[in-house]
Amino acid sequence: MKCMMSVDGSNIVRVTDEKASELFSEGFRYVSKSLWKEKVRDINKTPEVNEDTGKVEMVTKSNKMSKAQKRHARKTS
């Protein structure tokens, strides 16, 4: 998957590698995934206060255990 932006910067899309090569030839340019997240994916999210650091930032809440947490849980059981 690649993130592409139109020449005028009005359109940012996330597409497959094959589609990205087609768009590149049409004048689109490659951009970072973080730019796509900021401008497209997280546009309606509001920043919240992070409980760990006390700073206002985009907080993603996840109930899933990370691989390290799962591994640790298996070791202790």
N, C-alpha and C. Protein backbone atom coordinates (compact mmCIF):
# COMPACT_ATOMS: atom_id res chain seq x y z
N MET A 1 0.83 -1.18 0.00
CA MET A 1 0.00 0.00 0.00
C MET A 1 0.89 1.25 0.00
N LYS A 2 0.44 2.24 -0.74
CA LYS A 2 1.16 3.51 -0.85
C LYS A 2 0.18 4.66 -0.63
N CYS A 3 0.70 5.77 -0.15
CA CYS A 3 -0.08 6.99 0.02
C CYS A 3 0.33 7.96 -1.06
N MET A 4 -0.65 8.50 -1.76
CA MET A 4 -0.38 9.38 -2.89
C MET A 4 -1.15 10.69 -2.71
N MET A 5 -0.54 11.79 -3.18
CA MET A 5 -1.19 13.10 -3.13
C MET A 5 -1.20 13.71 -4.52
N SER A 6 -2.31 14.35 -4.87
CA SER A 6 -2.39 15.00 -6.18
C SER A 6 -1.44 16.19 -6.22
N VAL A 7 -1.19 16.68 -7.41
CA VAL A 7 -0.23 17.76 -7.61
C VAL A 7 -0.62 19.00 -6.83
N ASP A 8 -1.92 19.34 -6.83
CA ASP A 8 -2.37 20.53 -6.12
C ASP A 8 -2.53 20.31 -4.62
N GLY A 9 -2.39 19.07 -4.16
CA GLY A 9 -2.45 18.76 -2.73
C GLY A 9 -3.85 18.63 -2.17
N SER A 10 -4.86 18.64 -3.03
CA SER A 10 -6.24 18.58 -2.55
C SER A 10 -6.72 17.16 -2.29
N ASN A 11 -6.04 16.17 -2.86
CA ASN A 11 -6.51 14.80 -2.77
C ASN A 11 -5.39 13.89 -2.29
N ILE A 12 -5.60 13.23 -1.13
CA ILE A 12 -4.64 12.27 -0.60
C ILE A 12 -5.35 10.93 -0.51
N VAL A 13 -4.75 9.91 -1.13
CA VAL A 13 -5.38 8.58 -1.16
C VAL A 13 -4.37 7.51 -0.77
N ARG A 14 -4.89 6.39 -0.28
CA ARG A 14 -4.06 5.23 0.03
C ARG A 14 -4.48 4.13 -0.92
N VAL A 15 -3.53 3.66 -1.73
CA VAL A 15 -3.83 2.71 -2.80
C VAL A 15 -2.81 1.57 -2.82
N THR A 16 -3.12 0.56 -3.62
CA THR A 16 -2.20 -0.56 -3.79
C THR A 16 -0.97 -0.11 -4.58
N ASP A 17 0.06 -0.93 -4.56
CA ASP A 17 1.30 -0.59 -5.27
C ASP A 17 1.07 -0.42 -6.77
N GLU A 18 0.24 -1.29 -7.36
CA GLU A 18 -0.03 -1.22 -8.80
C GLU A 18 -0.75 0.07 -9.15
N LYS A 19 -1.77 0.41 -8.35
CA LYS A 19 -2.53 1.63 -8.60
C LYS A 19 -1.65 2.86 -8.37
N ALA A 20 -0.71 2.77 -7.41
CA ALA A 20 0.19 3.88 -7.13
C ALA A 20 1.08 4.19 -8.32
N SER A 21 1.57 3.15 -9.00
CA SER A 21 2.41 3.40 -10.16
C SER A 21 1.62 4.07 -11.28
N GLU A 22 0.34 3.71 -11.42
CA GLU A 22 -0.52 4.37 -12.42
C GLU A 22 -0.73 5.83 -12.05
N LEU A 23 -1.04 6.09 -10.78
CA LEU A 23 -1.27 7.47 -10.34
C LEU A 23 -0.01 8.31 -10.47
N PHE A 24 1.15 7.70 -10.22
CA PHE A 24 2.41 8.43 -10.33
C PHE A 24 2.62 8.93 -11.76
N SER A 25 2.26 8.09 -12.71
CA SER A 25 2.41 8.50 -14.10
C SER A 25 1.39 9.58 -14.49
N GLU A 26 0.30 9.68 -13.72
CA GLU A 26 -0.71 10.71 -13.97
C GLU A 26 -0.39 12.03 -13.27
N GLY A 27 0.67 12.04 -12.46
CA GLY A 27 1.07 13.28 -11.82
C GLY A 27 0.96 13.29 -10.31
N PHE A 28 0.46 12.23 -9.72
CA PHE A 28 0.40 12.16 -8.26
C PHE A 28 1.82 11.96 -7.74
N ARG A 29 2.05 12.29 -6.46
CA ARG A 29 3.35 12.04 -5.87
C ARG A 29 3.19 11.26 -4.57
N TYR A 30 4.25 10.56 -4.20
CA TYR A 30 4.24 9.75 -2.99
C TYR A 30 4.34 10.65 -1.76
N VAL A 31 3.56 10.34 -0.71
CA VAL A 31 3.65 11.06 0.56
C VAL A 31 3.73 10.05 1.69
N SER A 32 4.08 10.51 2.86
CA SER A 32 4.24 9.61 4.00
C SER A 32 2.88 9.17 4.53
N LYS A 33 2.89 8.01 5.17
CA LYS A 33 1.67 7.48 5.76
C LYS A 33 1.19 8.39 6.90
N SER A 34 2.13 9.01 7.61
CA SER A 34 1.75 9.90 8.71
C SER A 34 0.96 11.11 8.20
N LEU A 35 1.31 11.61 7.02
CA LEU A 35 0.57 12.71 6.42
C LEU A 35 -0.84 12.26 6.07
N TRP A 36 -0.98 11.08 5.50
CA TRP A 36 -2.29 10.52 5.18
C TRP A 36 -3.13 10.37 6.45
N LYS A 37 -2.53 9.86 7.52
CA LYS A 37 -3.25 9.69 8.78
C LYS A 37 -3.76 11.03 9.30
N GLU A 38 -2.89 12.04 9.23
CA GLU A 38 -3.21 13.36 9.76
C GLU A 38 -4.31 14.04 8.96
N LYS A 39 -4.24 13.96 7.64
CA LYS A 39 -5.16 14.71 6.78
C LYS A 39 -6.44 13.96 6.41
N VAL A 40 -6.39 12.62 6.41
CA VAL A 40 -7.55 11.85 5.94
C VAL A 40 -8.16 11.00 7.04
N ARG A 41 -7.38 10.11 7.61
CA ARG A 41 -7.92 9.13 8.54
C ARG A 41 -8.40 9.75 9.86
N ASP A 42 -7.60 10.64 10.44
CA ASP A 42 -7.90 11.17 11.76
C ASP A 42 -8.53 12.56 11.72
N ILE A 43 -9.18 12.90 10.63
CA ILE A 43 -9.68 14.26 10.47
C ILE A 43 -10.80 14.60 11.45
N ASN A 44 -11.62 13.62 11.83
CA ASN A 44 -12.75 13.89 12.73
C ASN A 44 -12.46 13.58 14.19
N LYS A 45 -11.25 13.12 14.49
CA LYS A 45 -10.90 12.81 15.86
C LYS A 45 -10.42 14.07 16.57
N THR A 46 -10.76 14.18 17.84
CA THR A 46 -10.31 15.33 18.60
C THR A 46 -9.20 14.91 19.55
N PRO A 47 -8.24 15.79 19.77
CA PRO A 47 -7.16 15.45 20.70
C PRO A 47 -7.68 15.34 22.13
N GLU A 48 -7.14 14.42 22.89
CA GLU A 48 -7.52 14.23 24.27
C GLU A 48 -6.28 14.29 25.14
N VAL A 49 -6.49 14.38 26.44
CA VAL A 49 -5.37 14.40 27.37
C VAL A 49 -4.89 12.98 27.59
N ASN A 50 -3.62 12.74 27.31
CA ASN A 50 -3.03 11.43 27.53
C ASN A 50 -2.82 11.24 29.03
N GLU A 51 -3.39 10.16 29.58
CA GLU A 51 -3.33 9.94 31.02
C GLU A 51 -1.91 9.65 31.49
N ASP A 52 -1.09 9.04 30.65
CA ASP A 52 0.27 8.69 31.03
C ASP A 52 1.19 9.90 31.11
N THR A 53 1.11 10.77 30.10
CA THR A 53 2.04 11.90 30.03
C THR A 53 1.41 13.21 30.49
N GLY A 54 0.10 13.32 30.48
CA GLY A 54 -0.57 14.55 30.87
C GLY A 54 -0.61 15.58 29.76
N LYS A 55 -0.17 15.23 28.55
CA LYS A 55 -0.16 16.15 27.42
C LYS A 55 -1.41 15.94 26.56
N VAL A 56 -1.83 16.98 25.87
CA VAL A 56 -2.96 16.89 24.95
C VAL A 56 -2.43 16.36 23.63
N GLU A 57 -2.94 15.22 23.19
CA GLU A 57 -2.49 14.61 21.94
C GLU A 57 -3.55 13.63 21.46
N MET A 58 -3.35 13.13 20.26
CA MET A 58 -4.27 12.13 19.71
C MET A 58 -4.04 10.83 20.47
N VAL A 59 -5.04 10.35 21.15
CA VAL A 59 -4.91 9.13 21.95
C VAL A 59 -5.71 8.03 21.27
N THR A 60 -5.03 6.94 20.96
CA THR A 60 -5.73 5.79 20.41
C THR A 60 -5.90 4.78 21.53
N LYS A 61 -7.12 4.35 21.71
CA LYS A 61 -7.40 3.42 22.79
C LYS A 61 -7.55 2.03 22.19
N SER A 62 -6.82 1.09 22.78
CA SER A 62 -6.85 -0.26 22.27
C SER A 62 -6.96 -1.23 23.43
N ASN A 63 -7.83 -2.21 23.29
CA ASN A 63 -7.98 -3.23 24.31
C ASN A 63 -7.17 -4.47 24.00
N LYS A 64 -6.50 -4.48 22.86
CA LYS A 64 -5.73 -5.65 22.45
C LYS A 64 -4.39 -5.67 23.19
N MET A 65 -3.96 -6.87 23.55
CA MET A 65 -2.64 -7.01 24.16
C MET A 65 -1.59 -7.05 23.07
N SER A 66 -0.47 -6.43 23.36
CA SER A 66 0.64 -6.47 22.41
C SER A 66 1.28 -7.85 22.45
N LYS A 67 2.15 -8.13 21.48
CA LYS A 67 2.84 -9.42 21.46
C LYS A 67 3.65 -9.63 22.72
N ALA A 68 4.31 -8.57 23.19
CA ALA A 68 5.13 -8.68 24.40
C ALA A 68 4.26 -8.98 25.61
N GLN A 69 3.09 -8.35 25.69
CA GLN A 69 2.19 -8.62 26.81
C GLN A 69 1.67 -10.05 26.77
N LYS A 70 1.36 -10.55 25.58
CA LYS A 70 0.90 -11.93 25.44
C LYS A 70 1.99 -12.91 25.85
N ARG A 71 3.20 -12.63 25.40
CA ARG A 71 4.34 -13.50 25.72
C ARG A 71 4.58 -13.52 27.22
N HIS A 72 4.49 -12.36 27.86
CA HIS A 72 4.67 -12.27 29.30
C HIS A 72 3.56 -13.02 30.04
N ALA A 73 2.34 -12.92 29.56
CA ALA A 73 1.22 -13.61 30.19
C ALA A 73 1.39 -15.12 30.09
N ARG A 74 1.91 -15.61 28.97
CA ARG A 74 2.14 -17.05 28.81
C ARG A 74 3.24 -17.53 29.75
N LYS A 75 4.28 -16.72 29.93
CA LYS A 75 5.39 -17.10 30.80
C LYS A 75 4.97 -17.23 32.25
N THR A 76 4.12 -16.30 32.69
CA THR A 76 3.72 -16.29 34.09
C THR A 76 2.66 -17.33 34.40
N SER A 77 1.99 -17.85 33.41
CA SER A 77 0.92 -18.83 33.64
C SER A 77 1.47 -20.22 33.86
